[in-house]
Amino acid sequence: MARIEVIINAGGGSFDDNETESLLIGAFRSSGLEVNMSVVRSGVEIETLAKTAAASDAEIIVAGGGDGTISTVAAAAAESGKTLAVLPLGTLNHFSKDLGIPQTLAEAVQVIAAGHTQMVDVGEVNGRIFLNNSSIGLYPRIVRRREVQQERLGHGKWRAAFSAALRAFLISPFIKVRLRLRGKEFLRKTPFVFIGNNEYQMDLYNIGRRERLDEGRLSVYFLRRGGRVGVLKLLVRTIFGMLRQSKDFETLSTDAITIATRKDRVRTAIDGESILMETPLEYRIRPAYLRVVVPRPEGVDA
């Protein structure tokens, strides 16, 4: 049986100190899997363990946590040719949902035990891999202010996010960007640029979901309406489920795009984490770059 390394972020949104670890141990045992499980709480520890697992003789690396944790472990797995498996222990679990992974831990472990895999694309910005999306402008500012409020004031994640969003809206959120793709260049003034690994559904209640992760394309979105009123309308339409991709966003599909700003460095969100990156930002898609464990499709034999 393949050796399996399991890396769990105890800071994940749905991790319970009293239950989660013992539940996982029992689920792996009942599925006949022998694993080496590590439970940590910091991003530095996760990155270190991911690199250690990638350099080991393990064939499968299991990541349990939010999308930031999954992204960190996925980068190490992809670059070493290992297979990634996912346990949904975050708040939103976008990547695991797009893969069709069950959102209960016992069922997710059963998927790992079944061992069916698929190759999926990853995005890359300035050499850093992302599984879901990256963005500049309004969203990274919200993420960073949320982190500061959580650290300094002890606010809960959602309360901090709301407060950060309000502050970002009140302070002029617009950025000027120069976009280059397919030999063409154009300028935009926008509150954000959102780059997805494959196409996102931005209509009604499907915001943030993807039907496929293997089309080899980046999807690029920015606000069609200008000005502060346009941002306010976007927020209202989102809250009331009235968002329409064709009406609210200008969209592009490409395998690579360069984004330049007036600044030498720009705060960039990558799978929900906010970091400073040097400009220009060079985005590209890496087709079929990561092998992941997914539910076996109906009609496919073991």
Foldseek 3Di string as FASTA:
>chain_A
DFAEEEEEACQAPQRDPVPDVVVLVVLCVVLVHDYHYDYHHDPVVLLVVLLVCLPDRGQEYEYEHAQVSQQSSQVSCLVSVHAYAYADRHDPRQQCVLLVQDNDRSSSSNLVSVPDKDFFKWKDKPRRTFRWKKKFWLVLQLLVQLVVCCVPVVDDNVVSSVVSNVVCLVPDTWFWKWKDDPRDIDIDIFRMKMKTQDDADCAFPRGRHDNGRAPQKIKIKTFPDDDSVLVVVVVVCNVVRNDDPVPTIDMDIHQKMWMFGPDQWGWMAGSSDTDIDGDGIIMGMDGSSHMYRGHDDPPDDD
